[in-house]
Amino acid sequence: MELFTPELGLIFWMFLSFAVLFIVLWKFAWPVIIKGIDGRADLIDKGVEYAQNAKEQLDHAREEADKYIADARRQQAEMLREADRMKTQIIEEARGAAQKEAQKVMDAAKVSIEQARKEAEQNFRNEVSSFALDIASKVVRNRLADDKAQTKLVNTLLDEIENKN
């Protein structure tokens, strides 16, 4: 049973090595992690800003489409006064051009909004998985903080190894 009962010197050196490792991580790794998280937050903010810009462009495109449609209707009324026989042909051309232009602008805006949404969604998933890993590592560290939990874990692992053999 001496194998499972650590001596005072072993506990001291384990604690000392843990303290040194903790200080090194605190000094060097933690600022890098924080910088990475801040970078991701900036990226998400840029994605949101990009989506807002795309929405503004879509609204502007709708206004332009409304202007095109209004122009087409005004031209229609003028053409009706000028010549009744050319009415159908000119109306179809104006409407077709306005609808094609409006459809092109709306399609381009929809594509850009969808891309921005996918980028923001991917960034959000990356952030959530990073936070989940951090939380899981902290929970595991806290669970194994006392000797009883460590002993129980070691005994369980040894039992599993014996059962496999």
N, C-alpha and C. Protein backbone atom coordinates (compact mmCIF):
# COMPACT_ATOMS: atom_id res chain seq x y z
N MET A 1 0.82 -1.19 0.00
CA MET A 1 0.00 0.00 0.00
C MET A 1 0.86 1.25 0.00
N GLU A 2 2.14 1.15 0.14
CA GLU A 2 3.00 2.33 0.11
C GLU A 2 2.94 3.02 -1.24
N LEU A 3 2.55 2.27 -2.23
CA LEU A 3 2.47 2.83 -3.57
C LEU A 3 1.37 3.89 -3.66
N PHE A 4 0.34 3.79 -2.86
CA PHE A 4 -0.80 4.70 -2.94
C PHE A 4 -0.78 5.79 -1.89
N THR A 5 0.13 5.79 -0.98
CA THR A 5 0.19 6.84 0.04
C THR A 5 1.42 7.69 -0.22
N PRO A 6 1.24 8.92 -0.70
CA PRO A 6 2.39 9.77 -1.02
C PRO A 6 3.05 10.29 0.26
N GLU A 7 4.36 10.47 0.17
CA GLU A 7 5.10 11.00 1.30
C GLU A 7 5.04 12.52 1.27
N LEU A 8 5.43 13.12 2.40
CA LEU A 8 5.36 14.57 2.54
C LEU A 8 6.25 15.27 1.52
N GLY A 9 7.42 14.75 1.26
CA GLY A 9 8.34 15.34 0.29
C GLY A 9 7.75 15.33 -1.12
N LEU A 10 7.11 14.23 -1.48
CA LEU A 10 6.47 14.15 -2.79
C LEU A 10 5.36 15.17 -2.92
N ILE A 11 4.56 15.31 -1.89
CA ILE A 11 3.48 16.31 -1.91
C ILE A 11 4.07 17.71 -2.03
N PHE A 12 5.14 17.98 -1.30
CA PHE A 12 5.78 19.30 -1.37
C PHE A 12 6.26 19.60 -2.79
N TRP A 13 6.96 18.64 -3.43
CA TRP A 13 7.50 18.89 -4.76
C TRP A 13 6.40 18.96 -5.81
N MET A 14 5.35 18.19 -5.62
CA MET A 14 4.21 18.30 -6.55
C MET A 14 3.57 19.67 -6.43
N PHE A 15 3.39 20.14 -5.21
CA PHE A 15 2.81 21.47 -5.02
C PHE A 15 3.72 22.55 -5.59
N LEU A 16 5.02 22.41 -5.36
CA LEU A 16 5.97 23.40 -5.87
C LEU A 16 5.97 23.42 -7.40
N SER A 17 5.96 22.25 -8.03
CA SER A 17 5.94 22.22 -9.50
C SER A 17 4.62 22.77 -10.04
N PHE A 18 3.52 22.48 -9.35
CA PHE A 18 2.24 23.05 -9.77
C PHE A 18 2.26 24.56 -9.65
N ALA A 19 2.82 25.08 -8.57
CA ALA A 19 2.87 26.54 -8.37
C ALA A 19 3.73 27.19 -9.45
N VAL A 20 4.85 26.58 -9.80
CA VAL A 20 5.71 27.14 -10.84
C VAL A 20 4.97 27.12 -12.18
N LEU A 21 4.34 25.99 -12.49
CA LEU A 21 3.57 25.89 -13.74
C LEU A 21 2.45 26.92 -13.77
N PHE A 22 1.75 27.08 -12.66
CA PHE A 22 0.65 28.05 -12.60
C PHE A 22 1.16 29.46 -12.84
N ILE A 23 2.28 29.80 -12.23
CA ILE A 23 2.84 31.16 -12.40
C ILE A 23 3.27 31.37 -13.84
N VAL A 24 3.91 30.38 -14.45
CA VAL A 24 4.35 30.52 -15.84
C VAL A 24 3.14 30.68 -16.76
N LEU A 25 2.12 29.88 -16.56
CA LEU A 25 0.91 30.01 -17.38
C LEU A 25 0.24 31.35 -17.16
N TRP A 26 0.20 31.81 -15.93
CA TRP A 26 -0.42 33.09 -15.62
C TRP A 26 0.32 34.24 -16.31
N LYS A 27 1.64 34.14 -16.33
CA LYS A 27 2.46 35.21 -16.92
C LYS A 27 2.41 35.20 -18.44
N PHE A 28 2.48 34.01 -19.04
CA PHE A 28 2.68 33.95 -20.49
C PHE A 28 1.45 33.48 -21.26
N ALA A 29 0.75 32.47 -20.80
CA ALA A 29 -0.36 31.91 -21.58
C ALA A 29 -1.63 32.74 -21.43
N TRP A 30 -1.92 33.21 -20.28
CA TRP A 30 -3.17 33.93 -20.04
C TRP A 30 -3.29 35.18 -20.91
N PRO A 31 -2.26 36.03 -21.04
CA PRO A 31 -2.40 37.19 -21.93
C PRO A 31 -2.65 36.80 -23.39
N VAL A 32 -2.04 35.71 -23.84
CA VAL A 32 -2.26 35.26 -25.22
C VAL A 32 -3.71 34.81 -25.39
N ILE A 33 -4.23 34.10 -24.43
CA ILE A 33 -5.62 33.64 -24.49
C ILE A 33 -6.56 34.84 -24.51
N ILE A 34 -6.34 35.80 -23.66
CA ILE A 34 -7.18 37.00 -23.60
C ILE A 34 -7.10 37.76 -24.93
N LYS A 35 -5.88 37.85 -25.49
CA LYS A 35 -5.72 38.54 -26.76
C LYS A 35 -6.50 37.82 -27.87
N GLY A 36 -6.47 36.52 -27.86
CA GLY A 36 -7.22 35.74 -28.84
C GLY A 36 -8.71 35.94 -28.70
N ILE A 37 -9.19 35.96 -27.48
CA ILE A 37 -10.63 36.16 -27.23
C ILE A 37 -11.03 37.56 -27.69
N ASP A 38 -10.21 38.55 -27.39
CA ASP A 38 -10.51 39.92 -27.83
C ASP A 38 -10.51 40.00 -29.36
N GLY A 39 -9.59 39.30 -29.99
CA GLY A 39 -9.56 39.28 -31.46
C GLY A 39 -10.81 38.67 -32.04
N ARG A 40 -11.27 37.59 -31.43
CA ARG A 40 -12.51 36.97 -31.91
C ARG A 40 -13.70 37.89 -31.69
N ALA A 41 -13.73 38.58 -30.57
CA ALA A 41 -14.82 39.52 -30.30
C ALA A 41 -14.81 40.64 -31.34
N ASP A 42 -13.64 41.12 -31.69
CA ASP A 42 -13.55 42.15 -32.73
C ASP A 42 -14.05 41.62 -34.07
N LEU A 43 -13.68 40.38 -34.37
CA LEU A 43 -14.12 39.77 -35.62
C LEU A 43 -15.64 39.65 -35.66
N ILE A 44 -16.24 39.26 -34.55
CA ILE A 44 -17.70 39.15 -34.48
C ILE A 44 -18.33 40.53 -34.65
N ASP A 45 -17.75 41.54 -34.00
CA ASP A 45 -18.27 42.90 -34.14
C ASP A 45 -18.20 43.36 -35.59
N LYS A 46 -17.09 43.02 -36.26
CA LYS A 46 -16.97 43.39 -37.67
C LYS A 46 -18.01 42.66 -38.51
N GLY A 47 -18.28 41.41 -38.18
CA GLY A 47 -19.30 40.65 -38.90
C GLY A 47 -20.68 41.25 -38.73
N VAL A 48 -20.98 41.69 -37.51
CA VAL A 48 -22.27 42.33 -37.25
C VAL A 48 -22.36 43.64 -38.03
N GLU A 49 -21.27 44.39 -38.01
CA GLU A 49 -21.25 45.66 -38.75
C GLU A 49 -21.42 45.41 -40.25
N TYR A 50 -20.77 44.38 -40.74
CA TYR A 50 -20.91 44.02 -42.15
C TYR A 50 -22.36 43.65 -42.48
N ALA A 51 -23.00 42.91 -41.59
CA ALA A 51 -24.41 42.54 -41.80
C ALA A 51 -25.30 43.78 -41.79
N GLN A 52 -25.02 44.72 -40.91
CA GLN A 52 -25.81 45.94 -40.87
C GLN A 52 -25.62 46.74 -42.16
N ASN A 53 -24.39 46.81 -42.64
CA ASN A 53 -24.13 47.50 -43.91
C ASN A 53 -24.87 46.83 -45.05
N ALA A 54 -24.87 45.50 -45.05
CA ALA A 54 -25.58 44.77 -46.10
C ALA A 54 -27.08 45.05 -46.03
N LYS A 55 -27.61 45.15 -44.82
CA LYS A 55 -29.04 45.46 -44.67
C LYS A 55 -29.34 46.86 -45.18
N GLU A 56 -28.44 47.80 -44.88
CA GLU A 56 -28.63 49.16 -45.39
C GLU A 56 -28.57 49.16 -46.92
N GLN A 57 -27.67 48.39 -47.49
CA GLN A 57 -27.59 48.31 -48.94
C GLN A 57 -28.87 47.71 -49.52
N LEU A 58 -29.40 46.72 -48.84
CA LEU A 58 -30.65 46.11 -49.30
C LEU A 58 -31.79 47.12 -49.24
N ASP A 59 -31.86 47.89 -48.17
CA ASP A 59 -32.89 48.93 -48.08
C ASP A 59 -32.72 49.96 -49.18
N HIS A 60 -31.47 50.35 -49.43
CA HIS A 60 -31.20 51.31 -50.50
C HIS A 60 -31.60 50.72 -51.86
N ALA A 61 -31.32 49.45 -52.05
CA ALA A 61 -31.68 48.79 -53.31
C ALA A 61 -33.19 48.76 -53.47
N ARG A 62 -33.91 48.54 -52.40
CA ARG A 62 -35.37 48.55 -52.48
C ARG A 62 -35.88 49.93 -52.83
N GLU A 63 -35.26 50.96 -52.25
CA GLU A 63 -35.67 52.32 -52.60
C GLU A 63 -35.43 52.59 -54.08
N GLU A 64 -34.26 52.17 -54.57
CA GLU A 64 -33.97 52.36 -55.99
C GLU A 64 -34.96 51.58 -56.85
N ALA A 65 -35.30 50.37 -56.42
CA ALA A 65 -36.27 49.58 -57.18
C ALA A 65 -37.61 50.29 -57.20
N ASP A 66 -38.01 50.87 -56.08
CA ASP A 66 -39.26 51.63 -56.04
C ASP A 66 -39.19 52.83 -56.98
N LYS A 67 -38.01 53.48 -57.02
CA LYS A 67 -37.85 54.61 -57.94
C LYS A 67 -37.98 54.15 -59.39
N TYR A 68 -37.35 53.01 -59.70
CA TYR A 68 -37.45 52.48 -61.06
C TYR A 68 -38.90 52.17 -61.42
N ILE A 69 -39.60 51.57 -60.49
CA ILE A 69 -40.99 51.23 -60.75
C ILE A 69 -41.83 52.50 -60.92
N ALA A 70 -41.57 53.51 -60.09
CA ALA A 70 -42.31 54.77 -60.22
C ALA A 70 -42.01 55.43 -61.57
N ASP A 71 -40.74 55.41 -61.99
CA ASP A 71 -40.39 55.96 -63.30
C ASP A 71 -41.10 55.21 -64.42
N ALA A 72 -41.13 53.92 -64.30
CA ALA A 72 -41.78 53.11 -65.32
C ALA A 72 -43.27 53.44 -65.41
N ARG A 73 -43.91 53.66 -64.29
CA ARG A 73 -45.33 53.99 -64.30
C ARG A 73 -45.58 55.38 -64.89
N ARG A 74 -44.68 56.31 -64.59
CA ARG A 74 -44.82 57.65 -65.15
C ARG A 74 -44.65 57.60 -66.67
N GLN A 75 -43.65 56.85 -67.12
CA GLN A 75 -43.46 56.70 -68.56
C GLN A 75 -44.65 56.02 -69.21
N GLN A 76 -45.23 55.12 -68.50
CA GLN A 76 -46.41 54.41 -69.01
C GLN A 76 -47.54 55.40 -69.27
N ALA A 77 -47.77 56.28 -68.30
CA ALA A 77 -48.85 57.25 -68.47
C ALA A 77 -48.59 58.18 -69.66
N GLU A 78 -47.34 58.62 -69.84
CA GLU A 78 -46.98 59.49 -70.97
C GLU A 78 -47.17 58.76 -72.29
N MET A 79 -46.76 57.53 -72.34
CA MET A 79 -46.87 56.77 -73.58
C MET A 79 -48.32 56.49 -73.94
N LEU A 80 -49.15 56.32 -72.94
CA LEU A 80 -50.58 56.12 -73.21
C LEU A 80 -51.17 57.35 -73.88
N ARG A 81 -50.72 58.53 -73.45
CA ARG A 81 -51.20 59.77 -74.06
C ARG A 81 -50.67 59.92 -75.48
N GLU A 82 -49.44 59.55 -75.70
CA GLU A 82 -48.81 59.74 -77.01
C GLU A 82 -49.31 58.76 -78.05
N ALA A 83 -49.23 57.51 -77.75
CA ALA A 83 -49.62 56.53 -78.77
C ALA A 83 -50.17 55.30 -78.09
N ASP A 84 -51.38 54.97 -78.45
CA ASP A 84 -52.06 53.83 -77.83
C ASP A 84 -51.49 52.50 -78.33
N ARG A 85 -51.03 52.47 -79.57
CA ARG A 85 -50.54 51.21 -80.12
C ARG A 85 -49.18 50.79 -79.56
N MET A 86 -48.33 51.77 -79.07
CA MET A 86 -47.02 51.42 -78.52
C MET A 86 -47.07 51.17 -77.02
N LYS A 87 -48.20 51.34 -76.42
CA LYS A 87 -48.37 51.23 -74.97
C LYS A 87 -47.89 49.88 -74.41
N THR A 88 -48.34 48.81 -74.95
CA THR A 88 -48.03 47.49 -74.40
C THR A 88 -46.53 47.18 -74.49
N GLN A 89 -45.92 47.48 -75.60
CA GLN A 89 -44.51 47.18 -75.79
C GLN A 89 -43.62 47.97 -74.83
N ILE A 90 -43.83 49.26 -74.67
CA ILE A 90 -42.98 50.09 -73.82
C ILE A 90 -43.18 49.74 -72.34
N ILE A 91 -44.39 49.47 -71.94
CA ILE A 91 -44.66 49.11 -70.54
C ILE A 91 -43.92 47.82 -70.18
N GLU A 92 -43.96 46.83 -71.07
CA GLU A 92 -43.28 45.56 -70.78
C GLU A 92 -41.77 45.74 -70.68
N GLU A 93 -41.20 46.56 -71.54
CA GLU A 93 -39.76 46.79 -71.49
C GLU A 93 -39.36 47.48 -70.18
N ALA A 94 -40.10 48.51 -69.80
CA ALA A 94 -39.77 49.25 -68.58
C ALA A 94 -39.92 48.37 -67.34
N ARG A 95 -41.00 47.64 -67.29
CA ARG A 95 -41.20 46.75 -66.14
C ARG A 95 -40.15 45.65 -66.08
N GLY A 96 -39.85 45.08 -67.23
CA GLY A 96 -38.85 44.00 -67.27
C GLY A 96 -37.48 44.49 -66.81
N ALA A 97 -37.08 45.67 -67.30
CA ALA A 97 -35.77 46.21 -66.90
C ALA A 97 -35.75 46.52 -65.41
N ALA A 98 -36.82 47.13 -64.91
CA ALA A 98 -36.87 47.48 -63.48
C ALA A 98 -36.86 46.23 -62.61
N GLN A 99 -37.61 45.24 -63.00
CA GLN A 99 -37.67 44.02 -62.19
C GLN A 99 -36.35 43.24 -62.25
N LYS A 100 -35.72 43.22 -63.42
CA LYS A 100 -34.43 42.53 -63.52
C LYS A 100 -33.39 43.23 -62.66
N GLU A 101 -33.35 44.54 -62.74
CA GLU A 101 -32.39 45.31 -61.94
C GLU A 101 -32.65 45.13 -60.45
N ALA A 102 -33.93 45.22 -60.08
CA ALA A 102 -34.29 45.05 -58.68
C ALA A 102 -33.95 43.64 -58.21
N GLN A 103 -34.20 42.65 -59.04
CA GLN A 103 -33.91 41.27 -58.68
C GLN A 103 -32.40 41.05 -58.53
N LYS A 104 -31.61 41.65 -59.43
CA LYS A 104 -30.15 41.52 -59.33
C LYS A 104 -29.64 42.13 -58.03
N VAL A 105 -30.11 43.33 -57.73
CA VAL A 105 -29.66 44.01 -56.52
C VAL A 105 -30.10 43.23 -55.28
N MET A 106 -31.33 42.78 -55.27
CA MET A 106 -31.83 42.04 -54.10
C MET A 106 -31.10 40.70 -53.95
N ASP A 107 -30.81 40.02 -55.06
CA ASP A 107 -30.08 38.76 -54.99
C ASP A 107 -28.67 38.97 -54.45
N ALA A 108 -28.00 40.02 -54.92
CA ALA A 108 -26.64 40.31 -54.42
C ALA A 108 -26.67 40.64 -52.94
N ALA A 109 -27.65 41.41 -52.51
CA ALA A 109 -27.75 41.76 -51.09
C ALA A 109 -28.06 40.53 -50.25
N LYS A 110 -28.94 39.66 -50.74
CA LYS A 110 -29.26 38.44 -50.00
C LYS A 110 -28.03 37.55 -49.84
N VAL A 111 -27.23 37.44 -50.89
CA VAL A 111 -26.02 36.62 -50.83
C VAL A 111 -25.05 37.19 -49.81
N SER A 112 -24.86 38.50 -49.84
CA SER A 112 -23.91 39.10 -48.90
C SER A 112 -24.41 38.99 -47.46
N ILE A 113 -25.70 39.12 -47.24
CA ILE A 113 -26.26 38.97 -45.89
C ILE A 113 -26.08 37.53 -45.42
N GLU A 114 -26.32 36.57 -46.29
CA GLU A 114 -26.19 35.16 -45.91
C GLU A 114 -24.73 34.83 -45.56
N GLN A 115 -23.79 35.37 -46.34
CA GLN A 115 -22.38 35.14 -46.04
C GLN A 115 -22.00 35.73 -44.69
N ALA A 116 -22.46 36.94 -44.43
CA ALA A 116 -22.15 37.58 -43.15
C ALA A 116 -22.78 36.80 -42.00
N ARG A 117 -23.98 36.29 -42.18
CA ARG A 117 -24.64 35.51 -41.14
C ARG A 117 -23.87 34.21 -40.87
N LYS A 118 -23.41 33.56 -41.94
CA LYS A 118 -22.66 32.31 -41.77
C LYS A 118 -21.33 32.57 -41.06
N GLU A 119 -20.67 33.66 -41.41
CA GLU A 119 -19.41 33.99 -40.74
C GLU A 119 -19.65 34.27 -39.26
N ALA A 120 -20.69 35.04 -38.96
CA ALA A 120 -20.99 35.34 -37.56
C ALA A 120 -21.37 34.08 -36.80
N GLU A 121 -22.12 33.19 -37.45
CA GLU A 121 -22.51 31.94 -36.81
C GLU A 121 -21.28 31.06 -36.54
N GLN A 122 -20.36 30.99 -37.49
CA GLN A 122 -19.14 30.20 -37.30
C GLN A 122 -18.29 30.77 -36.17
N ASN A 123 -18.15 32.08 -36.15
CA ASN A 123 -17.39 32.72 -35.07
C ASN A 123 -18.04 32.44 -33.72
N PHE A 124 -19.38 32.49 -33.68
CA PHE A 124 -20.09 32.22 -32.43
C PHE A 124 -19.86 30.78 -31.98
N ARG A 125 -19.91 29.84 -32.93
CA ARG A 125 -19.66 28.43 -32.57
C ARG A 125 -18.25 28.24 -32.04
N ASN A 126 -17.28 28.90 -32.66
CA ASN A 126 -15.90 28.80 -32.20
C ASN A 126 -15.77 29.34 -30.77
N GLU A 127 -16.41 30.46 -30.50
CA GLU A 127 -16.35 31.06 -29.16
C GLU A 127 -16.99 30.12 -28.13
N VAL A 128 -18.15 29.58 -28.46
CA VAL A 128 -18.85 28.70 -27.52
C VAL A 128 -18.02 27.46 -27.23
N SER A 129 -17.41 26.86 -28.27
CA SER A 129 -16.61 25.66 -28.02
C SER A 129 -15.38 25.99 -27.19
N SER A 130 -14.78 27.14 -27.42
CA SER A 130 -13.62 27.55 -26.62
C SER A 130 -14.01 27.72 -25.15
N PHE A 131 -15.14 28.40 -24.93
CA PHE A 131 -15.59 28.59 -23.55
C PHE A 131 -15.94 27.25 -22.90
N ALA A 132 -16.55 26.35 -23.66
CA ALA A 132 -16.92 25.05 -23.11
C ALA A 132 -15.67 24.26 -22.69
N LEU A 133 -14.64 24.30 -23.51
CA LEU A 133 -13.40 23.61 -23.16
C LEU A 133 -12.75 24.22 -21.91
N ASP A 134 -12.77 25.55 -21.83
CA ASP A 134 -12.21 26.21 -20.64
C ASP A 134 -12.98 25.80 -19.38
N ILE A 135 -14.30 25.80 -19.48
CA ILE A 135 -15.13 25.45 -18.32
C ILE A 135 -14.90 23.99 -17.93
N ALA A 136 -14.82 23.11 -18.94
CA ALA A 136 -14.62 21.69 -18.64
C ALA A 136 -13.28 21.46 -17.96
N SER A 137 -12.24 22.15 -18.43
CA SER A 137 -10.94 21.96 -17.79
C SER A 137 -10.95 22.47 -16.35
N LYS A 138 -11.64 23.56 -16.10
CA LYS A 138 -11.72 24.09 -14.74
C LYS A 138 -12.52 23.16 -13.83
N VAL A 139 -13.59 22.59 -14.37
CA VAL A 139 -14.40 21.67 -13.57
C VAL A 139 -13.59 20.43 -13.21
N VAL A 140 -12.83 19.90 -14.18
CA VAL A 140 -12.02 18.71 -13.91
C VAL A 140 -10.95 19.03 -12.88
N ARG A 141 -10.34 20.20 -12.98
CA ARG A 141 -9.32 20.60 -12.00
C ARG A 141 -9.94 20.70 -10.61
N ASN A 142 -11.11 21.29 -10.51
CA ASN A 142 -11.76 21.44 -9.20
C ASN A 142 -12.21 20.09 -8.64
N ARG A 143 -12.64 19.20 -9.50
CA ARG A 143 -13.10 17.89 -9.04
C ARG A 143 -11.94 17.06 -8.48
N LEU A 144 -10.77 17.26 -9.01
CA LEU A 144 -9.63 16.48 -8.56
C LEU A 144 -8.76 17.26 -7.58
N ALA A 145 -9.31 18.25 -6.94
CA ALA A 145 -8.53 19.10 -6.05
C ALA A 145 -8.25 18.41 -4.71
N ASP A 146 -9.16 17.59 -4.23
CA ASP A 146 -8.93 16.98 -2.91
C ASP A 146 -8.36 15.55 -3.08
N ASP A 147 -7.74 15.06 -2.01
CA ASP A 147 -7.07 13.74 -2.05
C ASP A 147 -8.07 12.61 -2.23
N LYS A 148 -9.25 12.76 -1.67
CA LYS A 148 -10.24 11.70 -1.75
C LYS A 148 -10.65 11.46 -3.21
N ALA A 149 -10.89 12.53 -3.93
CA ALA A 149 -11.28 12.41 -5.33
C ALA A 149 -10.14 11.83 -6.15
N GLN A 150 -8.91 12.21 -5.86
CA GLN A 150 -7.76 11.67 -6.59
C GLN A 150 -7.62 10.18 -6.33
N THR A 151 -7.76 9.81 -5.07
CA THR A 151 -7.65 8.40 -4.71
C THR A 151 -8.74 7.58 -5.39
N LYS A 152 -9.95 8.09 -5.37
CA LYS A 152 -11.06 7.39 -6.00
C LYS A 152 -10.82 7.24 -7.50
N LEU A 153 -10.34 8.29 -8.15
CA LEU A 153 -10.06 8.23 -9.58
C LEU A 153 -8.96 7.21 -9.88
N VAL A 154 -7.90 7.23 -9.11
CA VAL A 154 -6.81 6.29 -9.32
C VAL A 154 -7.29 4.86 -9.13
N ASN A 155 -8.07 4.61 -8.07
CA ASN A 155 -8.59 3.26 -7.83
C ASN A 155 -9.49 2.81 -8.97
N THR A 156 -10.32 3.69 -9.45
CA THR A 156 -11.22 3.35 -10.56
C THR A 156 -10.42 3.01 -11.81
N LEU A 157 -9.41 3.79 -12.11
CA LEU A 157 -8.59 3.54 -13.29
C LEU A 157 -7.83 2.21 -13.16
N LEU A 158 -7.31 1.94 -11.96
CA LEU A 158 -6.61 0.67 -11.77
C LEU A 158 -7.56 -0.51 -11.91
N ASP A 159 -8.79 -0.37 -11.40
CA ASP A 159 -9.77 -1.45 -11.55
C ASP A 159 -10.10 -1.68 -13.02
N GLU A 160 -10.21 -0.60 -13.79
CA GLU A 160 -10.50 -0.74 -15.22
C GLU A 160 -9.34 -1.42 -15.95
N ILE A 161 -8.12 -1.09 -15.57
CA ILE A 161 -6.95 -1.71 -16.21
C ILE A 161 -6.91 -3.20 -15.88
N GLU A 162 -7.20 -3.54 -14.61
CA GLU A 162 -7.21 -4.95 -14.24
C GLU A 162 -8.30 -5.71 -14.96
N ASN A 163 -9.46 -5.09 -15.14
CA ASN A 163 -10.58 -5.75 -15.83
C ASN A 163 -10.27 -5.97 -17.31
N LYS A 164 -9.51 -5.10 -17.92
CA LYS A 164 -9.16 -5.27 -19.33
C LYS A 164 -8.16 -6.41 -19.51
N ASN A 165 -7.28 -6.58 -18.53
CA ASN A 165 -6.27 -7.63 -18.63
C ASN A 165 -6.87 -8.90 -18.11
